[in-house]
Amino acid sequence: MVVEPAAWTVAGTDTNFVATGAGERQKAGTLLGRSVVVHFTPVSYTWVYGDGTSRTTSVPGATWQTSGSTPFTATPTSHVFANRGSYAVTVTVRFAARYQFAGQGWADIAGTLPLTSTPVTVTVKAVKTVLVAHDCTQDPSGVGCSP
């Protein structure tokens, strides 16, 4: 999983999440002496943000750069944490499956296969902005400057 801006963020701003490695997959083998192929297709992504909220999407997400967005822009997979703290975020990818046995036509398998990522800890910080006339080099006794 990719977290933007990184494994940290600022409360009240969008944090972007991307499910990586969750594309279509195919596995071939032998069953009863005949070839079998199983094809897995991701159909949904359930993001659990660790703060009591979750969201299900049909897309894995994309980085801000890949999508042409500026940092801290809302995305289909982004989340705004309201409070400071550390949150364990996971994504569960649900895969639909179909199989082909002995070279015959494809058949769907009922249901989905859920696979949940390892949790990623996101640290949420708070910031305060202050308008000042000068920086600390120009005015060492100014607001927020250490003596």
N, C-alpha and C. Protein backbone atom coordinates (compact mmCIF):
# COMPACT_ATOMS: atom_id res chain seq x y z
N MET A 1 0.85 -1.17 0.00
CA MET A 1 0.00 0.00 0.00
C MET A 1 0.90 1.24 0.00
N VAL A 2 0.52 2.21 -0.79
CA VAL A 2 1.22 3.49 -0.83
C VAL A 2 0.38 4.50 -0.06
N VAL A 3 1.03 5.29 0.79
CA VAL A 3 0.36 6.35 1.53
C VAL A 3 1.01 7.66 1.14
N GLU A 4 0.20 8.64 0.77
CA GLU A 4 0.74 9.97 0.45
C GLU A 4 0.09 11.01 1.36
N PRO A 5 0.90 11.90 1.95
CA PRO A 5 2.25 12.25 1.52
C PRO A 5 3.30 11.22 1.93
N ALA A 6 3.12 10.46 2.99
CA ALA A 6 4.02 9.39 3.42
C ALA A 6 3.27 8.65 4.51
N ALA A 7 3.96 8.05 5.45
CA ALA A 7 3.27 7.38 6.55
C ALA A 7 2.90 8.41 7.62
N TRP A 8 2.78 9.63 7.24
CA TRP A 8 2.34 10.72 8.13
C TRP A 8 1.41 11.61 7.33
N THR A 9 0.64 12.40 8.03
CA THR A 9 -0.25 13.35 7.38
C THR A 9 -0.63 14.43 8.37
N VAL A 10 -1.43 15.37 7.93
CA VAL A 10 -1.88 16.47 8.76
C VAL A 10 -3.39 16.35 8.95
N ALA A 11 -3.84 16.42 10.19
CA ALA A 11 -5.28 16.35 10.48
C ALA A 11 -6.02 17.41 9.68
N GLY A 12 -7.15 17.01 9.12
CA GLY A 12 -7.97 17.95 8.36
C GLY A 12 -7.61 18.06 6.89
N THR A 13 -6.61 17.31 6.43
CA THR A 13 -6.23 17.34 5.01
C THR A 13 -6.39 15.94 4.42
N ASP A 14 -6.50 15.87 3.10
CA ASP A 14 -6.64 14.58 2.44
C ASP A 14 -5.33 13.80 2.46
N THR A 15 -5.44 12.53 2.83
CA THR A 15 -4.33 11.59 2.76
C THR A 15 -4.70 10.59 1.68
N ASN A 16 -3.82 10.36 0.74
CA ASN A 16 -4.11 9.50 -0.40
C ASN A 16 -3.58 8.09 -0.16
N PHE A 17 -4.39 7.08 -0.52
CA PHE A 17 -4.02 5.68 -0.36
C PHE A 17 -4.12 4.97 -1.71
N VAL A 18 -3.17 4.07 -1.97
CA VAL A 18 -3.15 3.31 -3.22
C VAL A 18 -2.89 1.85 -2.89
N ALA A 19 -3.77 0.96 -3.37
CA ALA A 19 -3.55 -0.49 -3.21
C ALA A 19 -2.59 -0.93 -4.30
N THR A 20 -1.45 -1.44 -3.90
CA THR A 20 -0.45 -1.88 -4.88
C THR A 20 -0.46 -3.40 -4.99
N GLY A 21 -0.11 -3.90 -6.14
CA GLY A 21 -0.01 -5.34 -6.34
C GLY A 21 -1.34 -6.06 -6.33
N ALA A 22 -2.42 -5.35 -6.59
CA ALA A 22 -3.76 -5.97 -6.50
C ALA A 22 -4.40 -6.12 -7.88
N GLY A 23 -3.61 -6.34 -8.91
CA GLY A 23 -4.16 -6.47 -10.25
C GLY A 23 -4.66 -7.87 -10.54
N GLU A 24 -5.07 -8.08 -11.78
CA GLU A 24 -5.54 -9.40 -12.19
C GLU A 24 -4.40 -10.40 -12.10
N ARG A 25 -4.76 -11.64 -11.76
CA ARG A 25 -3.77 -12.71 -11.62
C ARG A 25 -4.33 -13.99 -12.20
N GLN A 26 -3.43 -14.84 -12.62
CA GLN A 26 -3.83 -16.13 -13.17
C GLN A 26 -2.90 -17.20 -12.62
N LYS A 27 -3.47 -18.33 -12.26
CA LYS A 27 -2.68 -19.45 -11.71
C LYS A 27 -3.05 -20.71 -12.48
N ALA A 28 -2.06 -21.40 -12.99
CA ALA A 28 -2.27 -22.65 -13.73
C ALA A 28 -1.77 -23.83 -12.91
N GLY A 29 -2.40 -24.99 -13.13
CA GLY A 29 -1.98 -26.19 -12.43
C GLY A 29 -2.63 -27.41 -13.05
N THR A 30 -2.56 -28.49 -12.32
CA THR A 30 -3.14 -29.75 -12.78
C THR A 30 -4.12 -30.25 -11.73
N LEU A 31 -5.29 -30.69 -12.18
CA LEU A 31 -6.31 -31.25 -11.31
C LEU A 31 -6.87 -32.50 -11.97
N LEU A 32 -6.81 -33.61 -11.27
CA LEU A 32 -7.28 -34.89 -11.81
C LEU A 32 -6.58 -35.23 -13.14
N GLY A 33 -5.31 -34.86 -13.21
CA GLY A 33 -4.52 -35.17 -14.39
C GLY A 33 -4.78 -34.26 -15.58
N ARG A 34 -5.57 -33.23 -15.40
CA ARG A 34 -5.89 -32.30 -16.50
C ARG A 34 -5.50 -30.88 -16.11
N SER A 35 -5.29 -30.08 -17.12
CA SER A 35 -4.89 -28.68 -16.86
C SER A 35 -6.08 -27.88 -16.35
N VAL A 36 -5.76 -26.98 -15.42
CA VAL A 36 -6.76 -26.06 -14.90
C VAL A 36 -6.10 -24.69 -14.75
N VAL A 37 -6.86 -23.67 -15.08
CA VAL A 37 -6.38 -22.29 -14.93
C VAL A 37 -7.44 -21.53 -14.13
N VAL A 38 -6.99 -20.79 -13.12
CA VAL A 38 -7.90 -19.96 -12.34
C VAL A 38 -7.47 -18.50 -12.54
N HIS A 39 -8.44 -17.66 -12.87
CA HIS A 39 -8.19 -16.24 -13.14
C HIS A 39 -8.87 -15.42 -12.05
N PHE A 40 -8.13 -14.53 -11.41
CA PHE A 40 -8.64 -13.68 -10.33
C PHE A 40 -8.68 -12.23 -10.80
N THR A 41 -9.82 -11.56 -10.58
CA THR A 41 -10.00 -10.17 -10.96
C THR A 41 -10.45 -9.36 -9.74
N PRO A 42 -9.73 -8.29 -9.38
CA PRO A 42 -10.18 -7.48 -8.25
C PRO A 42 -11.49 -6.76 -8.61
N VAL A 43 -12.45 -6.81 -7.68
CA VAL A 43 -13.75 -6.18 -7.94
C VAL A 43 -14.07 -5.06 -6.96
N SER A 44 -13.43 -5.06 -5.78
CA SER A 44 -13.66 -3.96 -4.84
C SER A 44 -12.50 -3.86 -3.86
N TYR A 45 -12.40 -2.67 -3.27
CA TYR A 45 -11.34 -2.35 -2.32
C TYR A 45 -12.01 -1.71 -1.12
N THR A 46 -11.88 -2.34 0.04
CA THR A 46 -12.46 -1.76 1.26
C THR A 46 -11.32 -1.24 2.12
N TRP A 47 -11.32 0.06 2.30
CA TRP A 47 -10.29 0.75 3.07
C TRP A 47 -10.80 0.92 4.49
N VAL A 48 -10.05 0.43 5.47
CA VAL A 48 -10.38 0.63 6.88
C VAL A 48 -9.31 1.55 7.43
N TYR A 49 -9.73 2.76 7.79
CA TYR A 49 -8.77 3.83 8.12
C TYR A 49 -8.28 3.83 9.57
N GLY A 50 -8.82 2.96 10.41
CA GLY A 50 -8.32 2.86 11.78
C GLY A 50 -8.89 3.88 12.73
N ASP A 51 -9.74 4.76 12.23
CA ASP A 51 -10.36 5.78 13.10
C ASP A 51 -11.86 5.54 13.24
N GLY A 52 -12.29 4.32 12.93
CA GLY A 52 -13.71 3.99 13.01
C GLY A 52 -14.46 4.18 11.70
N THR A 53 -13.76 4.60 10.65
CA THR A 53 -14.41 4.80 9.36
C THR A 53 -13.81 3.87 8.32
N SER A 54 -14.59 3.64 7.26
CA SER A 54 -14.12 2.82 6.14
C SER A 54 -14.80 3.30 4.87
N ARG A 55 -14.30 2.84 3.76
CA ARG A 55 -14.86 3.19 2.44
C ARG A 55 -14.58 2.04 1.49
N THR A 56 -15.57 1.71 0.66
CA THR A 56 -15.38 0.70 -0.38
C THR A 56 -15.39 1.40 -1.73
N THR A 57 -14.39 1.09 -2.54
CA THR A 57 -14.27 1.68 -3.87
C THR A 57 -14.13 0.57 -4.91
N SER A 58 -14.29 0.95 -6.15
CA SER A 58 -14.11 -0.01 -7.24
C SER A 58 -12.74 0.17 -7.90
N VAL A 59 -11.95 1.08 -7.37
CA VAL A 59 -10.62 1.35 -7.94
C VAL A 59 -9.55 1.21 -6.86
N PRO A 60 -8.31 0.85 -7.27
CA PRO A 60 -7.23 0.70 -6.30
C PRO A 60 -6.60 2.03 -5.88
N GLY A 61 -6.95 3.10 -6.58
CA GLY A 61 -6.34 4.40 -6.31
C GLY A 61 -5.13 4.62 -7.19
N ALA A 62 -4.64 5.84 -7.18
CA ALA A 62 -3.46 6.23 -7.95
C ALA A 62 -2.73 7.32 -7.18
N THR A 63 -1.42 7.40 -7.38
CA THR A 63 -0.67 8.45 -6.71
C THR A 63 -1.12 9.81 -7.26
N TRP A 64 -0.85 10.83 -6.49
CA TRP A 64 -1.20 12.19 -6.95
C TRP A 64 -0.48 12.49 -8.26
N GLN A 65 0.78 12.11 -8.35
CA GLN A 65 1.55 12.39 -9.57
C GLN A 65 0.97 11.65 -10.77
N THR A 66 0.68 10.36 -10.60
CA THR A 66 0.14 9.56 -11.70
C THR A 66 -1.20 10.10 -12.18
N SER A 67 -2.03 10.55 -11.24
CA SER A 67 -3.36 11.05 -11.61
C SER A 67 -3.34 12.52 -12.04
N GLY A 68 -2.16 13.16 -11.96
CA GLY A 68 -2.06 14.56 -12.35
C GLY A 68 -2.64 15.51 -11.33
N SER A 69 -2.78 15.06 -10.10
CA SER A 69 -3.35 15.89 -9.03
C SER A 69 -2.24 16.52 -8.19
N THR A 70 -2.58 17.60 -7.53
CA THR A 70 -1.63 18.22 -6.61
C THR A 70 -1.75 17.53 -5.25
N PRO A 71 -0.67 17.51 -4.46
CA PRO A 71 -0.73 16.90 -3.14
C PRO A 71 -1.86 17.47 -2.28
N PHE A 72 -2.41 16.62 -1.45
CA PHE A 72 -3.50 16.92 -0.52
C PHE A 72 -4.84 17.17 -1.22
N THR A 73 -4.94 16.74 -2.51
CA THR A 73 -6.19 16.81 -3.25
C THR A 73 -7.01 15.56 -2.94
N ALA A 74 -8.32 15.68 -2.85
CA ALA A 74 -9.19 14.53 -2.62
C ALA A 74 -9.12 13.58 -3.81
N THR A 75 -9.11 12.28 -3.52
CA THR A 75 -9.11 11.23 -4.54
C THR A 75 -10.20 10.22 -4.16
N PRO A 76 -10.52 9.29 -5.06
CA PRO A 76 -11.53 8.28 -4.70
C PRO A 76 -11.13 7.39 -3.51
N THR A 77 -9.84 7.34 -3.19
CA THR A 77 -9.38 6.50 -2.09
C THR A 77 -8.75 7.30 -0.95
N SER A 78 -8.91 8.62 -0.97
CA SER A 78 -8.30 9.42 0.09
C SER A 78 -9.20 9.47 1.32
N HIS A 79 -8.62 9.95 2.41
CA HIS A 79 -9.34 10.05 3.67
C HIS A 79 -8.83 11.25 4.44
N VAL A 80 -9.73 11.90 5.17
CA VAL A 80 -9.36 13.02 6.03
C VAL A 80 -9.46 12.55 7.48
N PHE A 81 -8.33 12.50 8.16
CA PHE A 81 -8.32 12.17 9.58
C PHE A 81 -8.65 13.44 10.36
N ALA A 82 -9.57 13.34 11.30
CA ALA A 82 -10.01 14.51 12.05
C ALA A 82 -9.08 14.84 13.22
N ASN A 83 -8.44 13.81 13.78
CA ASN A 83 -7.67 14.02 15.01
C ASN A 83 -6.25 13.49 14.89
N ARG A 84 -5.38 14.06 15.71
CA ARG A 84 -4.00 13.58 15.79
C ARG A 84 -3.98 12.17 16.33
N GLY A 85 -2.91 11.45 16.03
CA GLY A 85 -2.75 10.10 16.56
C GLY A 85 -2.10 9.19 15.55
N SER A 86 -2.04 7.91 15.91
CA SER A 86 -1.53 6.88 15.01
C SER A 86 -2.66 5.94 14.67
N TYR A 87 -2.80 5.64 13.39
CA TYR A 87 -3.91 4.83 12.91
C TYR A 87 -3.37 3.69 12.05
N ALA A 88 -3.89 2.47 12.27
CA ALA A 88 -3.52 1.30 11.47
C ALA A 88 -4.52 1.21 10.31
N VAL A 89 -4.03 1.39 9.09
CA VAL A 89 -4.87 1.39 7.90
C VAL A 89 -4.66 0.09 7.13
N THR A 90 -5.77 -0.52 6.70
CA THR A 90 -5.70 -1.72 5.87
C THR A 90 -6.61 -1.55 4.66
N VAL A 91 -6.34 -2.36 3.65
CA VAL A 91 -7.24 -2.44 2.49
C VAL A 91 -7.51 -3.93 2.25
N THR A 92 -8.80 -4.25 2.08
CA THR A 92 -9.20 -5.60 1.73
C THR A 92 -9.63 -5.58 0.27
N VAL A 93 -8.93 -6.36 -0.54
CA VAL A 93 -9.25 -6.48 -1.96
C VAL A 93 -10.10 -7.73 -2.13
N ARG A 94 -11.25 -7.57 -2.76
CA ARG A 94 -12.11 -8.72 -3.04
C ARG A 94 -11.92 -9.11 -4.50
N PHE A 95 -11.58 -10.39 -4.70
CA PHE A 95 -11.34 -10.91 -6.04
C PHE A 95 -12.48 -11.81 -6.47
N ALA A 96 -12.96 -11.61 -7.69
CA ALA A 96 -13.86 -12.57 -8.33
C ALA A 96 -12.96 -13.57 -9.03
N ALA A 97 -13.44 -14.82 -9.14
CA ALA A 97 -12.62 -15.85 -9.76
C ALA A 97 -13.43 -16.62 -10.80
N ARG A 98 -12.71 -17.10 -11.80
CA ARG A 98 -13.29 -17.99 -12.80
C ARG A 98 -12.23 -19.01 -13.15
N TYR A 99 -12.67 -20.13 -13.68
CA TYR A 99 -11.70 -21.20 -13.99
C TYR A 99 -11.96 -21.78 -15.36
N GLN A 100 -10.90 -22.40 -15.87
CA GLN A 100 -10.97 -23.12 -17.14
C GLN A 100 -10.38 -24.51 -16.89
N PHE A 101 -11.17 -25.55 -17.13
CA PHE A 101 -10.74 -26.91 -16.86
C PHE A 101 -10.56 -27.67 -18.17
N ALA A 102 -9.41 -28.25 -18.34
CA ALA A 102 -9.09 -29.10 -19.49
C ALA A 102 -9.33 -28.40 -20.83
N GLY A 103 -9.01 -27.09 -20.87
CA GLY A 103 -9.12 -26.34 -22.12
C GLY A 103 -10.52 -25.99 -22.55
N GLN A 104 -11.51 -26.27 -21.72
CA GLN A 104 -12.90 -25.93 -22.08
C GLN A 104 -13.17 -24.47 -21.76
N GLY A 105 -14.42 -24.06 -21.88
CA GLY A 105 -14.78 -22.66 -21.65
C GLY A 105 -14.59 -22.23 -20.20
N TRP A 106 -14.59 -20.93 -19.99
CA TRP A 106 -14.43 -20.37 -18.66
C TRP A 106 -15.74 -20.47 -17.89
N ALA A 107 -15.63 -20.74 -16.58
CA ALA A 107 -16.81 -20.80 -15.70
C ALA A 107 -16.54 -19.94 -14.47
N ASP A 108 -17.53 -19.16 -14.08
CA ASP A 108 -17.39 -18.30 -12.90
C ASP A 108 -17.48 -19.13 -11.63
N ILE A 109 -16.78 -18.68 -10.61
CA ILE A 109 -16.85 -19.28 -9.27
C ILE A 109 -17.68 -18.33 -8.42
N ALA A 110 -18.69 -18.84 -7.74
CA ALA A 110 -19.58 -18.01 -6.91
C ALA A 110 -18.80 -17.35 -5.78
N GLY A 111 -19.20 -16.14 -5.43
CA GLY A 111 -18.60 -15.42 -4.31
C GLY A 111 -17.33 -14.69 -4.69
N THR A 112 -16.67 -14.15 -3.67
CA THR A 112 -15.41 -13.44 -3.87
C THR A 112 -14.40 -13.92 -2.83
N LEU A 113 -13.15 -13.69 -3.13
CA LEU A 113 -12.06 -14.04 -2.23
C LEU A 113 -11.49 -12.75 -1.65
N PRO A 114 -11.67 -12.51 -0.33
CA PRO A 114 -11.12 -11.29 0.27
C PRO A 114 -9.68 -11.50 0.76
N LEU A 115 -8.80 -10.58 0.40
CA LEU A 115 -7.42 -10.60 0.89
C LEU A 115 -7.13 -9.25 1.51
N THR A 116 -6.71 -9.26 2.78
CA THR A 116 -6.46 -8.02 3.52
C THR A 116 -4.97 -7.77 3.63
N SER A 117 -4.59 -6.51 3.41
CA SER A 117 -3.18 -6.11 3.48
C SER A 117 -2.68 -6.13 4.92
N THR A 118 -1.38 -6.10 5.05
CA THR A 118 -0.75 -5.87 6.33
C THR A 118 -1.06 -4.42 6.73
N PRO A 119 -1.38 -4.16 8.00
CA PRO A 119 -1.68 -2.78 8.40
C PRO A 119 -0.48 -1.85 8.20
N VAL A 120 -0.77 -0.64 7.77
CA VAL A 120 0.23 0.42 7.65
C VAL A 120 -0.13 1.48 8.67
N THR A 121 0.84 1.85 9.51
CA THR A 121 0.58 2.86 10.53
C THR A 121 0.77 4.25 9.93
N VAL A 122 -0.27 5.07 10.08
CA VAL A 122 -0.23 6.45 9.60
C VAL A 122 -0.26 7.35 10.83
N THR A 123 0.73 8.23 10.94
CA THR A 123 0.79 9.18 12.04
C THR A 123 0.17 10.49 11.58
N VAL A 124 -0.82 10.95 12.33
CA VAL A 124 -1.53 12.19 11.99
C VAL A 124 -1.09 13.27 12.97
N LYS A 125 -0.64 14.37 12.41
CA LYS A 125 -0.16 15.49 13.22
C LYS A 125 -1.05 16.70 13.01
N ALA A 126 -0.99 17.62 13.94
CA ALA A 126 -1.73 18.87 13.81
C ALA A 126 -0.73 20.00 13.58
N VAL A 127 -1.14 20.99 12.85
CA VAL A 127 -0.29 22.15 12.63
C VAL A 127 -1.08 23.40 12.94
N LYS A 128 -0.35 24.42 13.32
CA LYS A 128 -0.95 25.73 13.54
C LYS A 128 -0.16 26.71 12.70
N THR A 129 -0.86 27.53 11.99
CA THR A 129 -0.18 28.55 11.21
C THR A 129 -0.30 29.88 11.92
N VAL A 130 0.74 30.67 11.80
CA VAL A 130 0.77 31.98 12.42
C VAL A 130 1.29 32.97 11.40
N LEU A 131 0.60 34.06 11.24
CA LEU A 131 1.08 35.12 10.36
C LEU A 131 2.03 36.00 11.14
N VAL A 132 3.23 36.16 10.62
CA VAL A 132 4.24 36.98 11.29
C VAL A 132 4.83 37.95 10.27
N ALA A 133 5.37 39.02 10.79
CA ALA A 133 5.95 40.03 9.92
C ALA A 133 7.35 39.65 9.44
N HIS A 134 8.09 38.87 10.26
CA HIS A 134 9.47 38.51 9.93
C HIS A 134 9.73 37.06 10.32
N ASP A 135 10.76 36.44 9.70
CA ASP A 135 11.13 35.10 10.12
C ASP A 135 12.03 35.19 11.34
N CYS A 136 12.41 34.05 11.93
CA CYS A 136 13.17 34.02 13.17
C CYS A 136 14.59 34.56 13.02
N THR A 137 15.12 34.55 11.81
CA THR A 137 16.45 35.13 11.59
C THR A 137 16.38 36.64 11.72
N GLN A 138 15.31 37.22 11.18
CA GLN A 138 15.15 38.68 11.23
C GLN A 138 14.68 39.16 12.60
N ASP A 139 13.84 38.35 13.28
CA ASP A 139 13.30 38.74 14.58
C ASP A 139 13.33 37.54 15.51
N PRO A 140 14.49 37.25 16.14
CA PRO A 140 14.63 36.06 17.00
C PRO A 140 13.66 36.00 18.17
N SER A 141 13.08 37.12 18.56
CA SER A 141 12.13 37.10 19.70
C SER A 141 10.69 37.02 19.19
N GLY A 142 10.50 36.80 17.90
CA GLY A 142 9.15 36.74 17.33
C GLY A 142 8.37 35.48 17.74
N VAL A 143 7.10 35.45 17.38
CA VAL A 143 6.21 34.34 17.72
C VAL A 143 6.77 33.05 17.12
N GLY A 144 6.89 32.01 17.96
CA GLY A 144 7.36 30.71 17.51
C GLY A 144 8.87 30.57 17.42
N CYS A 145 9.62 31.63 17.72
CA CYS A 145 11.08 31.57 17.65
C CYS A 145 11.64 31.20 19.03
N SER A 146 12.66 30.37 19.04
CA SER A 146 13.30 29.99 20.30
C SER A 146 14.45 30.94 20.54
N PRO A 147 14.62 31.32 21.83
CA PRO A 147 15.74 32.23 22.15
C PRO A 147 17.09 31.56 22.02
